[in-house]
């Protein structure tokens, strides 16, 4: 994948300020990064348009607190998707 190939991302976090900040950060990236879905529910990543994203940005503490820690393992076994796990918050 070249530096000019767009990357699609879904962001899952329970803090609106974090979601907005990540989206703003990606908007000014040298490489095109498109946030196709964002929200506080893991459903953002499981359903369209988030289910088509190249990368999932996920808050690990939120997953554990919500009882969704098994979902991280499931993401890891999906072809052509990467997971970026955040400890923020």
PDB file of N, CA and C in Angstrom:
ATOM      1  N   UNK A   1       0.858  -1.169   0.000  1.00  0.00           N
ATOM      2  CA  UNK A   1       0.000   0.000   0.000  1.00  0.00           C
ATOM      3  C   UNK A   1       0.908   1.237   0.000  1.00  0.00           C
ATOM      4  N   UNK A   2       0.695   2.088  -0.953  1.00  0.00           N
ATOM      5  CA  UNK A   2       1.526   3.290  -1.048  1.00  0.00           C
ATOM      6  C   UNK A   2       1.033   4.375  -0.091  1.00  0.00           C
ATOM      7  N   UNK A   3       1.865   5.400   0.083  1.00  0.00           N
ATOM      8  CA  UNK A   3       1.489   6.496   0.979  1.00  0.00           C
ATOM      9  C   UNK A   3       0.307   7.311   0.484  1.00  0.00           C
ATOM     10  N   UNK A   4      -0.067   7.149  -0.774  1.00  0.00           N
ATOM     11  CA  UNK A   4      -1.191   7.911  -1.298  1.00  0.00           C
ATOM     12  C   UNK A   4      -2.477   7.083  -1.362  1.00  0.00           C
ATOM     13  N   UNK A   5      -2.389   5.786  -1.042  1.00  0.00           N
ATOM     14  CA  UNK A   5      -3.577   4.940  -1.042  1.00  0.00           C
ATOM     15  C   UNK A   5      -4.432   5.281   0.178  1.00  0.00           C
ATOM     16  N   UNK A   6      -5.697   5.637  -0.027  1.00  0.00           N
ATOM     17  CA  UNK A   6      -6.557   5.980   1.110  1.00  0.00           C
ATOM     18  C   UNK A   6      -6.751   4.789   2.051  1.00  0.00           C
ATOM     19  N   UNK A   7      -6.855   5.083   3.331  1.00  0.00           N
ATOM     20  CA  UNK A   7      -7.109   4.084   4.356  1.00  0.00           C
ATOM     21  C   UNK A   7      -8.447   4.428   5.003  1.00  0.00           C
ATOM     22  N   UNK A   8      -9.308   3.432   5.142  1.00  0.00           N
ATOM     23  CA  UNK A   8     -10.591   3.664   5.817  1.00  0.00           C
ATOM     24  C   UNK A   8     -10.488   3.158   7.251  1.00  0.00           C
ATOM     25  N   UNK A   9     -11.118   3.913   8.163  1.00  0.00           N
ATOM     26  CA  UNK A   9     -10.987   3.647   9.598  1.00  0.00           C
ATOM     27  C   UNK A   9     -12.359   3.716  10.258  1.00  0.00           C
ATOM     28  N   UNK A  10     -12.581   2.851  11.239  1.00  0.00           N
ATOM     29  CA  UNK A  10     -13.720   2.973  12.150  1.00  0.00           C
ATOM     30  C   UNK A  10     -13.130   3.185  13.537  1.00  0.00           C
ATOM     31  N   UNK A  11     -13.710   4.139  14.295  1.00  0.00           N
ATOM     32  CA  UNK A  11     -13.215   4.489  15.622  1.00  0.00           C
ATOM     33  C   UNK A  11     -14.294   4.173  16.654  1.00  0.00           C
ATOM     34  N   UNK A  12     -13.920   3.389  17.683  1.00  0.00           N
ATOM     35  CA  UNK A  12     -14.857   3.046  18.756  1.00  0.00           C
ATOM     36  C   UNK A  12     -14.289   3.573  20.070  1.00  0.00           C
ATOM     37  N   UNK A  13     -14.988   4.535  20.667  1.00  0.00           N
ATOM     38  CA  UNK A  13     -14.588   5.111  21.948  1.00  0.00           C
ATOM     39  C   UNK A  13     -15.826   5.726  22.576  1.00  0.00           C
ATOM     40  N   UNK A  14     -15.875   5.735  23.895  1.00  0.00           N
ATOM     41  CA  UNK A  14     -17.057   6.259  24.573  1.00  0.00           C
ATOM     42  C   UNK A  14     -16.964   7.739  24.945  1.00  0.00           C
ATOM     43  N   UNK A  15     -15.896   8.419  24.508  1.00  0.00           N
ATOM     44  CA  UNK A  15     -15.750   9.851  24.786  1.00  0.00           C
ATOM     45  C   UNK A  15     -15.850  10.648  23.485  1.00  0.00           C
ATOM     46  N   UNK A  16     -16.880  11.479  23.332  1.00  0.00           N
ATOM     47  CA  UNK A  16     -17.047  12.270  22.114  1.00  0.00           C
ATOM     48  C   UNK A  16     -15.827  13.128  21.773  1.00  0.00           C
ATOM     49  N   UNK A  17     -15.137  13.653  22.781  1.00  0.00           N
ATOM     50  CA  UNK A  17     -13.960  14.488  22.514  1.00  0.00           C
ATOM     51  C   UNK A  17     -12.840  13.663  21.874  1.00  0.00           C
ATOM     52  N   UNK A  18     -12.685  12.422  22.294  1.00  0.00           N
ATOM     53  CA  UNK A  18     -11.670  11.539  21.707  1.00  0.00           C
ATOM     54  C   UNK A  18     -12.044  11.235  20.265  1.00  0.00           C
ATOM     55  N   UNK A  19     -13.307  10.913  20.025  1.00  0.00           N
ATOM     56  CA  UNK A  19     -13.759  10.634  18.655  1.00  0.00           C
ATOM     57  C   UNK A  19     -13.491  11.833  17.748  1.00  0.00           C
ATOM     58  N   UNK A  20     -13.860  13.018  18.210  1.00  0.00           N
ATOM     59  CA  UNK A  20     -13.651  14.229  17.413  1.00  0.00           C
ATOM     60  C   UNK A  20     -12.172  14.501  17.187  1.00  0.00           C
ATOM     61  N   UNK A  21     -11.374  14.302  18.216  1.00  0.00           N
ATOM     62  CA  UNK A  21      -9.937  14.541  18.098  1.00  0.00           C
ATOM     63  C   UNK A  21      -9.273  13.609  17.106  1.00  0.00           C
ATOM     64  N   UNK A  22      -9.635  12.337  17.151  1.00  0.00           N
ATOM     65  CA  UNK A  22      -9.063  11.374  16.208  1.00  0.00           C
ATOM     66  C   UNK A  22      -9.472  11.729  14.783  1.00  0.00           C
ATOM     67  N   UNK A  23     -10.746  12.061  14.586  1.00  0.00           N
ATOM     68  CA  UNK A  23     -11.205  12.441  13.256  1.00  0.00           C
ATOM     69  C   UNK A  23     -10.465  13.681  12.751  1.00  0.00           C
ATOM     70  N   UNK A  24     -10.253  14.669  13.608  1.00  0.00           N
ATOM     71  CA  UNK A  24      -9.528  15.881  13.208  1.00  0.00           C
ATOM     72  C   UNK A  24      -8.077  15.560  12.874  1.00  0.00           C
ATOM     73  N   UNK A  25      -7.465  14.713  13.645  1.00  0.00           N
ATOM     74  CA  UNK A  25      -6.074  14.307  13.414  1.00  0.00           C
ATOM     75  C   UNK A  25      -5.944  13.614  12.061  1.00  0.00           C
ATOM     76  N   UNK A  26      -6.866  12.700  11.774  1.00  0.00           N
ATOM     77  CA  UNK A  26      -6.832  12.000  10.486  1.00  0.00           C
ATOM     78  C   UNK A  26      -7.099  12.947   9.321  1.00  0.00           C
ATOM     79  N   UNK A  27      -7.911  13.952   9.519  1.00  0.00           N
ATOM     80  CA  UNK A  27      -8.257  14.893   8.444  1.00  0.00           C
ATOM     81  C   UNK A  27      -7.050  15.668   7.937  1.00  0.00           C
ATOM     82  N   UNK A  28      -6.031  15.840   8.772  1.00  0.00           N
ATOM     83  CA  UNK A  28      -4.848  16.591   8.353  1.00  0.00           C
ATOM     84  C   UNK A  28      -3.647  15.682   8.063  1.00  0.00           C
ATOM     85  N   UNK A  29      -3.875  14.400   8.008  1.00  0.00           N
ATOM     86  CA  UNK A  29      -2.810  13.438   7.732  1.00  0.00           C
ATOM     87  C   UNK A  29      -2.279  13.600   6.310  1.00  0.00           C
ATOM     88  N   UNK A  30      -0.974  13.392   6.132  1.00  0.00           N
ATOM     89  CA  UNK A  30      -0.401  13.413   4.776  1.00  0.00           C
ATOM     90  C   UNK A  30      -0.994  12.299   3.930  1.00  0.00           C
ATOM     91  N   UNK A  31      -1.213  11.164   4.537  1.00  0.00           N
ATOM     92  CA  UNK A  31      -1.843  10.050   3.830  1.00  0.00           C
ATOM     93  C   UNK A  31      -3.351  10.173   3.997  1.00  0.00           C
ATOM     94  N   UNK A  32      -4.130   9.977   2.940  1.00  0.00           N
ATOM     95  CA  UNK A  32      -5.585  10.096   3.066  1.00  0.00           C
ATOM     96  C   UNK A  32      -6.148   9.031   4.019  1.00  0.00           C
ATOM     97  N   UNK A  33      -6.794   9.489   5.085  1.00  0.00           N
ATOM     98  CA  UNK A  33      -7.452   8.595   6.045  1.00  0.00           C
ATOM     99  C   UNK A  33      -8.898   9.046   6.159  1.00  0.00           C
ATOM    100  N   UNK A  34      -9.806   8.137   5.898  1.00  0.00           N
ATOM    101  CA  UNK A  34     -11.228   8.442   5.942  1.00  0.00           C
ATOM    102  C   UNK A  34     -11.877   7.679   7.083  1.00  0.00           C
ATOM    103  N   UNK A  35     -12.504   8.399   8.009  1.00  0.00           N
ATOM    104  CA  UNK A  35     -13.256   7.762   9.082  1.00  0.00           C
ATOM    105  C   UNK A  35     -14.631   7.434   8.508  1.00  0.00           C
ATOM    106  N   UNK A  36     -14.891   6.141   8.301  1.00  0.00           N
ATOM    107  CA  UNK A  36     -16.158   5.732   7.698  1.00  0.00           C
ATOM    108  C   UNK A  36     -17.257   5.542   8.736  1.00  0.00           C
ATOM    109  N   UNK A  37     -16.851   5.345  10.007  1.00  0.00           N
ATOM    110  CA  UNK A  37     -17.825   5.225  11.095  1.00  0.00           C
ATOM    111  C   UNK A  37     -17.118   5.527  12.407  1.00  0.00           C
ATOM    112  N   UNK A  38     -17.868   6.079  13.350  1.00  0.00           N
ATOM    113  CA  UNK A  38     -17.322   6.380  14.676  1.00  0.00           C
ATOM    114  C   UNK A  38     -18.465   6.408  15.673  1.00  0.00           C
ATOM    115  N   UNK A  39     -18.187   5.927  16.872  1.00  0.00           N
ATOM    116  CA  UNK A  39     -19.197   5.960  17.911  1.00  0.00           C
ATOM    117  C   UNK A  39     -18.762   5.203  19.137  1.00  0.00           C
ATOM    118  N   UNK A  40     -19.665   5.096  20.096  1.00  0.00           N
ATOM    119  CA  UNK A  40     -19.340   4.477  21.373  1.00  0.00           C
ATOM    120  C   UNK A  40     -19.659   2.991  21.428  1.00  0.00           C
ATOM    121  N   UNK A  41     -20.269   2.457  20.395  1.00  0.00           N
ATOM    122  CA  UNK A  41     -20.674   1.054  20.397  1.00  0.00           C
ATOM    123  C   UNK A  41     -19.798   0.216  19.473  1.00  0.00           C
ATOM    124  N   UNK A  42     -19.509  -0.987  19.906  1.00  0.00           N
ATOM    125  CA  UNK A  42     -18.750  -1.915  19.065  1.00  0.00           C
ATOM    126  C   UNK A  42     -19.513  -2.211  17.768  1.00  0.00           C
ATOM    127  N   UNK A  43     -20.810  -1.990  17.780  1.00  0.00           N
ATOM    128  CA  UNK A  43     -21.615  -2.199  16.566  1.00  0.00           C
ATOM    129  C   UNK A  43     -21.134  -1.326  15.409  1.00  0.00           C
ATOM    130  N   UNK A  44     -20.471  -0.212  15.722  1.00  0.00           N
ATOM    131  CA  UNK A  44     -19.923   0.653  14.673  1.00  0.00           C
ATOM    132  C   UNK A  44     -18.944  -0.128  13.799  1.00  0.00           C
ATOM    133  N   UNK A  45     -18.219  -1.072  14.397  1.00  0.00           N
ATOM    134  CA  UNK A  45     -17.223  -1.846  13.665  1.00  0.00           C
ATOM    135  C   UNK A  45     -17.796  -3.113  13.039  1.00  0.00           C
ATOM    136  N   UNK A  46     -18.902  -3.603  13.576  1.00  0.00           N
ATOM    137  CA  UNK A  46     -19.479  -4.852  13.067  1.00  0.00           C
ATOM    138  C   UNK A  46     -20.440  -4.638  11.913  1.00  0.00           C
ATOM    139  N   UNK A  47     -21.010  -3.440  11.803  1.00  0.00           N
ATOM    140  CA  UNK A  47     -22.031  -3.188  10.791  1.00  0.00           C
ATOM    141  C   UNK A  47     -21.554  -2.136   9.790  1.00  0.00           C
ATOM    142  N   UNK A  48     -22.155  -2.140   8.605  1.00  0.00           N
ATOM    143  CA  UNK A  48     -21.786  -1.181   7.563  1.00  0.00           C
ATOM    144  C   UNK A  48     -22.135   0.234   8.018  1.00  0.00           C
ATOM    145  N   UNK A  49     -21.325   1.198   7.676  1.00  0.00           N
ATOM    146  CA  UNK A  49     -20.135   1.120   6.835  1.00  0.00           C
ATOM    147  C   UNK A  49     -18.868   0.729   7.585  1.00  0.00           C
ATOM    148  N   UNK A  50     -18.916   0.678   8.933  1.00  0.00           N
ATOM    149  CA  UNK A  50     -17.726   0.364   9.705  1.00  0.00           C
ATOM    150  C   UNK A  50     -17.157  -1.016   9.428  1.00  0.00           C
ATOM    151  N   UNK A  51     -18.007  -1.958   9.075  1.00  0.00           N
ATOM    152  CA  UNK A  51     -17.545  -3.327   8.825  1.00  0.00           C
ATOM    153  C   UNK A  51     -16.650  -3.424   7.593  1.00  0.00           C
ATOM    154  N   UNK A  52     -16.628  -2.397   6.779  1.00  0.00           N
ATOM    155  CA  UNK A  52     -15.785  -2.411   5.574  1.00  0.00           C
ATOM    156  C   UNK A  52     -14.453  -1.700   5.781  1.00  0.00           C
ATOM    157  N   UNK A  53     -14.235  -1.121   6.958  1.00  0.00           N
ATOM    158  CA  UNK A  53     -13.019  -0.333   7.217  1.00  0.00           C
ATOM    159  C   UNK A  53     -11.762  -1.195   7.179  1.00  0.00           C
ATOM    160  N   UNK A  54     -10.666  -0.581   6.737  1.00  0.00           N
ATOM    161  CA  UNK A  54      -9.368  -1.256   6.729  1.00  0.00           C
ATOM    162  C   UNK A  54      -8.814  -1.413   8.142  1.00  0.00           C
ATOM    163  N   UNK A  55      -9.088  -0.422   8.991  1.00  0.00           N
ATOM    164  CA  UNK A  55      -8.504  -0.370  10.340  1.00  0.00           C
ATOM    165  C   UNK A  55      -9.601  -0.057  11.355  1.00  0.00           C
ATOM    166  N   UNK A  56      -9.500  -0.689  12.520  1.00  0.00           N
ATOM    167  CA  UNK A  56     -10.390  -0.390  13.632  1.00  0.00           C
ATOM    168  C   UNK A  56      -9.546   0.212  14.748  1.00  0.00           C
ATOM    169  N   UNK A  57      -9.916   1.387  15.220  1.00  0.00           N
ATOM    170  CA  UNK A  57      -9.262   2.024  16.365  1.00  0.00           C
ATOM    171  C   UNK A  57     -10.196   1.807  17.543  1.00  0.00           C
ATOM    172  N   UNK A  58      -9.704   1.110  18.561  1.00  0.00           N
ATOM    173  CA  UNK A  58     -10.553   0.603  19.622  1.00  0.00           C
ATOM    174  C   UNK A  58      -9.951   0.922  20.972  1.00  0.00           C
ATOM    175  N   UNK A  59     -10.731   1.403  21.884  1.00  0.00           N
ATOM    176  CA  UNK A  59     -10.270   1.685  23.245  1.00  0.00           C
ATOM    177  C   UNK A  59     -10.344   0.396  24.064  1.00  0.00           C
ATOM    178  N   UNK A  60      -9.197  -0.135  24.469  1.00  0.00           N
ATOM    179  CA  UNK A  60      -9.177  -1.431  25.144  1.00  0.00           C
ATOM    180  C   UNK A  60      -9.898  -1.417  26.484  1.00  0.00           C
ATOM    181  N   UNK A  61      -9.751  -0.357  27.260  1.00  0.00           N
ATOM    182  CA  UNK A  61     -10.446  -0.308  28.559  1.00  0.00           C
ATOM    183  C   UNK A  61     -11.956  -0.350  28.375  1.00  0.00           C
ATOM    184  N   UNK A  62     -12.435   0.285  27.329  1.00  0.00           N
ATOM    185  CA  UNK A  62     -13.868   0.294  27.046  1.00  0.00           C
ATOM    186  C   UNK A  62     -14.343  -1.116  26.716  1.00  0.00           C
ATOM    187  N   UNK A  63     -13.557  -1.844  25.937  1.00  0.00           N
ATOM    188  CA  UNK A  63     -13.928  -3.207  25.571  1.00  0.00           C
ATOM    189  C   UNK A  63     -14.035  -4.090  26.811  1.00  0.00           C
ATOM    190  N   UNK A  64     -13.065  -3.990  27.702  1.00  0.00           N
ATOM    191  CA  UNK A  64     -13.078  -4.809  28.916  1.00  0.00           C
ATOM    192  C   UNK A  64     -14.233  -4.412  29.825  1.00  0.00           C
ATOM    193  N   UNK A  65     -14.424  -3.108  30.027  1.00  0.00           N
ATOM    194  CA  UNK A  65     -15.499  -2.625  30.890  1.00  0.00           C
ATOM    195  C   UNK A  65     -16.874  -3.025  30.343  1.00  0.00           C
ATOM    196  N   UNK A  66     -16.986  -3.121  29.032  1.00  0.00           N
ATOM    197  CA  UNK A  66     -18.256  -3.445  28.407  1.00  0.00           C
ATOM    198  C   UNK A  66     -18.461  -4.943  28.230  1.00  0.00           C
ATOM    199  N   UNK A  67     -17.464  -5.745  28.663  1.00  0.00           N
ATOM    200  CA  UNK A  67     -17.567  -7.185  28.506  1.00  0.00           C
ATOM    201  C   UNK A  67     -17.321  -7.648  27.090  1.00  0.00           C
ATOM    202  N   UNK A  68     -16.605  -6.838  26.301  1.00  0.00           N
ATOM    203  CA  UNK A  68     -16.408  -7.155  24.892  1.00  0.00           C
ATOM    204  C   UNK A  68     -14.971  -7.558  24.569  1.00  0.00           C
ATOM    205  N   UNK A  69     -14.203  -7.978  25.587  1.00  0.00           N
ATOM    206  CA  UNK A  69     -12.804  -8.276  25.341  1.00  0.00           C
ATOM    207  C   UNK A  69     -12.618  -9.380  24.298  1.00  0.00           C
ATOM    208  N   UNK A  70     -13.563 -10.300  24.171  1.00  0.00           N
ATOM    209  CA  UNK A  70     -13.470 -11.350  23.157  1.00  0.00           C
ATOM    210  C   UNK A  70     -13.557 -10.800  21.742  1.00  0.00           C
ATOM    211  N   UNK A  71     -14.144  -9.632  21.589  1.00  0.00           N
ATOM    212  CA  UNK A  71     -14.272  -9.029  20.264  1.00  0.00           C
ATOM    213  C   UNK A  71     -12.914  -8.658  19.691  1.00  0.00           C
ATOM    214  N   UNK A  72     -11.955  -8.304  20.540  1.00  0.00           N
ATOM    215  CA  UNK A  72     -10.620  -7.970  20.062  1.00  0.00           C
ATOM    216  C   UNK A  72     -10.005  -9.175  19.366  1.00  0.00           C
ATOM    217  N   UNK A  73     -10.163 -10.364  19.953  1.00  0.00           N
ATOM    218  CA  UNK A  73      -9.644 -11.583  19.339  1.00  0.00           C
ATOM    219  C   UNK A  73     -10.332 -11.853  18.008  1.00  0.00           C
ATOM    220  N   UNK A  74     -11.628 -11.608  17.954  1.00  0.00           N
ATOM    221  CA  UNK A  74     -12.356 -11.820  16.704  1.00  0.00           C
ATOM    222  C   UNK A  74     -11.858 -10.880  15.613  1.00  0.00           C
ATOM    223  N   UNK A  75     -11.579  -9.626  15.956  1.00  0.00           N
ATOM    224  CA  UNK A  75     -11.022  -8.687  14.988  1.00  0.00           C
ATOM    225  C   UNK A  75      -9.709  -9.201  14.431  1.00  0.00           C
ATOM    226  N   UNK A  76      -8.891  -9.745  15.299  1.00  0.00           N
ATOM    227  CA  UNK A  76      -7.565 -10.211  14.888  1.00  0.00           C
ATOM    228  C   UNK A  76      -7.648 -11.343  13.872  1.00  0.00           C
ATOM    229  N   UNK A  77      -8.744 -12.063  13.850  1.00  0.00           N
ATOM    230  CA  UNK A  77      -8.886 -13.186  12.925  1.00  0.00           C
ATOM    231  C   UNK A  77      -9.661 -12.846  11.662  1.00  0.00           C
ATOM    232  N   UNK A  78     -10.056 -11.609  11.514  1.00  0.00           N
ATOM    233  CA  UNK A  78     -10.740 -11.190  10.284  1.00  0.00           C
ATOM    234  C   UNK A  78      -9.698 -10.827   9.229  1.00  0.00           C
ATOM    235  N   UNK A  79      -9.868 -11.331   8.022  1.00  0.00           N
ATOM    236  CA  UNK A  79      -8.877 -11.015   6.979  1.00  0.00           C
ATOM    237  C   UNK A  79      -8.908  -9.541   6.597  1.00  0.00           C
ATOM    238  N   UNK A  80      -7.727  -9.007   6.273  1.00  0.00           N
ATOM    239  CA  UNK A  80      -7.566  -7.663   5.705  1.00  0.00           C
ATOM    240  C   UNK A  80      -8.009  -6.532   6.622  1.00  0.00           C
ATOM    241  N   UNK A  81      -8.033  -6.772   7.924  1.00  0.00           N
ATOM    242  CA  UNK A  81      -8.371  -5.704   8.863  1.00  0.00           C
ATOM    243  C   UNK A  81      -7.298  -5.633   9.928  1.00  0.00           C
ATOM    244  N   UNK A  82      -6.970  -4.430  10.326  1.00  0.00           N
ATOM    245  CA  UNK A  82      -6.014  -4.215  11.397  1.00  0.00           C
ATOM    246  C   UNK A  82      -6.748  -3.560  12.561  1.00  0.00           C
ATOM    247  N   UNK A  83      -6.290  -3.836  13.757  1.00  0.00           N
ATOM    248  CA  UNK A  83      -6.861  -3.203  14.940  1.00  0.00           C
ATOM    249  C   UNK A  83      -5.793  -2.396  15.640  1.00  0.00           C
ATOM    250  N   UNK A  84      -6.096  -1.165  15.930  1.00  0.00           N
ATOM    251  CA  UNK A  84      -5.233  -0.304  16.718  1.00  0.00           C
ATOM    252  C   UNK A  84      -5.912  -0.117  18.054  1.00  0.00           C
ATOM    253  N   UNK A  85      -5.278  -0.595  19.103  1.00  0.00           N
ATOM    254  CA  UNK A  85      -5.889  -0.553  20.418  1.00  0.00           C
ATOM    255  C   UNK A  85      -5.337   0.617  21.203  1.00  0.00           C
ATOM    256  N   UNK A  86      -6.224   1.426  21.744  1.00  0.00           N
ATOM    257  CA  UNK A  86      -5.827   2.626  22.469  1.00  0.00           C
ATOM    258  C   UNK A  86      -6.029   2.428  23.966  1.00  0.00           C
ATOM    259  N   UNK A  87      -5.110   2.943  24.762  1.00  0.00           N
ATOM    260  CA  UNK A  87      -5.251   2.915  26.221  1.00  0.00           C
ATOM    261  C   UNK A  87      -5.729   4.260  26.759  1.00  0.00           C
ATOM    262  N   UNK A  88      -6.009   5.204  25.898  1.00  0.00           N
ATOM    263  CA  UNK A  88      -6.415   6.546  26.337  1.00  0.00           C
ATOM    264  C   UNK A  88      -7.690   6.491  27.155  1.00  0.00           C
ATOM    265  N   UNK A  89      -7.827   7.441  28.033  1.00  0.00           N
ATOM    266  CA  UNK A  89      -9.058   7.595  28.784  1.00  0.00           C
ATOM    267  C   UNK A  89      -9.095   6.779  30.012  1.00  0.00           C
TER     268      UNK A  89
END
